[in-house]
Amino acid sequence: MKTINFPYIALALSAFLLLLIVKGSQLSSDGNTQIPLLTLLVVNEFSFFVTAIGAYIGIKQCLATSFKSSYALVSILCLIFSVGFMLMGIKLWPL
C-alpha cells in the first residue's frame, strides 16, 4: 500500500468507527453504555491515532507536492476527526 492513500482509508474507517462509538456510548435504562466502556475507549483511541496519522501524512504530502483540493480536504477532515476523537475520549472517560 502506498502511504499517499492512507488519509482516504483513515477517513473512511474513522467515519464508520465514529458511528460505532456514538451508538455504543448511549446509556441504557440501567445507566450502562450499550458497548462496554473500555471497548469504547480503545476504539476511540485507535480512531484518534489513525486519523492523526492520516492528517500528518496528508498535510506532509500536500506540502511536498502540488496542491490538490480533494486531497487537502481529506487531510483537513482527518485533522478535524482527530480533534473530535480526542474530545470524545475525554468526555467518555469517567472521572
Protein backbone atom coordinates (compact mmCIF):
# COMPACT_ATOMS: atom_id res chain seq x y z
CA MET A 1 0.00 0.00 0.00
CA LYS A 2 1.26 3.45 -0.85
CA THR A 3 1.21 5.91 2.03
CA ILE A 4 -0.38 8.51 -0.24
CA ASN A 5 -3.69 6.60 0.01
CA PHE A 6 -3.67 6.37 3.81
CA PRO A 7 -5.70 9.57 4.50
CA TYR A 8 -8.57 8.24 2.37
CA ILE A 9 -8.56 4.92 4.22
CA ALA A 10 -8.25 6.67 7.60
CA LEU A 11 -11.21 8.93 6.87
CA ALA A 12 -13.45 6.09 5.74
CA LEU A 13 -12.50 3.89 8.69
CA SER A 14 -12.90 6.68 11.22
CA ALA A 15 -16.35 7.62 9.88
CA PHE A 16 -17.52 4.04 10.50
CA LEU A 17 -15.89 3.93 13.95
CA LEU A 18 -17.44 7.29 14.84
CA LEU A 19 -20.89 5.83 14.23
CA LEU A 20 -19.95 2.81 16.34
CA ILE A 21 -18.77 4.99 19.23
CA VAL A 22 -21.78 7.31 19.11
CA LYS A 23 -24.24 4.40 19.02
CA GLY A 24 -22.34 2.40 21.65
CA SER A 25 -21.98 5.26 24.11
CA GLN A 26 -25.73 5.74 24.51
CA LEU A 27 -26.86 4.93 28.03
CA SER A 28 -29.37 2.17 28.65
CA SER A 29 -32.07 2.31 31.32
CA ASP A 30 -29.75 0.88 33.99
CA GLY A 31 -27.07 3.54 33.36
CA ASN A 32 -24.60 1.39 31.42
CA THR A 33 -23.40 2.05 27.91
CA GLN A 34 -24.52 -0.30 25.14
CA ILE A 35 -20.88 -1.27 24.42
CA PRO A 36 -18.53 -1.74 27.40
CA LEU A 37 -16.74 1.46 28.35
CA LEU A 38 -13.24 0.02 27.98
CA THR A 39 -14.08 -1.11 24.44
CA LEU A 40 -15.37 2.36 23.59
CA LEU A 41 -12.19 3.95 24.92
CA VAL A 42 -9.93 1.56 22.97
CA VAL A 43 -11.86 2.11 19.73
CA ASN A 44 -11.79 5.86 20.33
CA GLU A 45 -8.04 5.88 20.94
CA PHE A 46 -7.41 3.75 17.86
CA SER A 47 -9.53 6.12 15.77
CA PHE A 48 -7.66 9.11 17.15
CA PHE A 49 -4.28 7.69 16.18
CA VAL A 50 -5.44 6.57 12.73
CA THR A 51 -6.88 9.98 11.87
CA ALA A 52 -3.90 11.84 13.35
CA ILE A 53 -1.52 9.78 11.21
CA GLY A 54 -3.78 10.32 8.19
CA ALA A 55 -3.74 14.08 8.77
CA TYR A 56 0.05 14.10 9.18
CA ILE A 57 0.67 12.09 6.02
CA GLY A 58 -1.86 14.16 4.07
CA ILE A 59 -0.51 17.54 5.12
CA LYS A 60 3.07 16.40 4.56
CA GLN A 61 2.12 15.18 1.06
CA CYS A 62 0.31 18.44 0.25
CA LEU A 63 3.36 20.48 1.23
CA ALA A 64 5.77 18.24 -0.69
CA THR A 65 3.87 18.07 -3.99
CA SER A 66 1.41 20.16 -5.92
CA PHE A 67 -1.78 21.18 -4.16
CA LYS A 68 -4.84 19.03 -4.82
CA SER A 69 -8.03 20.34 -3.27
CA SER A 70 -9.64 16.93 -2.73
CA TYR A 71 -6.53 15.54 -1.02
CA ALA A 72 -6.24 18.66 1.14
CA LEU A 73 -9.92 18.37 2.11
CA VAL A 74 -9.47 14.75 3.18
CA SER A 75 -6.39 15.71 5.21
CA ILE A 76 -8.23 18.55 6.95
CA LEU A 77 -11.19 16.25 7.68
CA CYS A 78 -8.77 13.74 9.21
CA LEU A 79 -7.41 16.53 11.41
CA ILE A 80 -10.92 17.57 12.47
CA PHE A 81 -11.90 13.95 13.20
CA SER A 82 -8.70 13.52 15.22
CA VAL A 83 -9.54 16.50 17.43
CA GLY A 84 -13.12 15.23 17.72
CA PHE A 85 -11.97 11.78 18.83
CA MET A 86 -9.66 13.36 21.39
CA LEU A 87 -12.51 15.41 22.87
CA MET A 88 -14.89 12.45 22.75
CA GLY A 89 -12.34 10.31 24.60
CA ILE A 90 -12.09 12.92 27.33
CA LYS A 91 -15.89 13.04 27.54
CA LEU A 92 -16.18 9.25 27.73
CA TRP A 93 -13.55 8.90 30.44
CA PRO A 94 -15.20 8.53 33.85
CA LEU A 95 -13.73 10.85 36.47
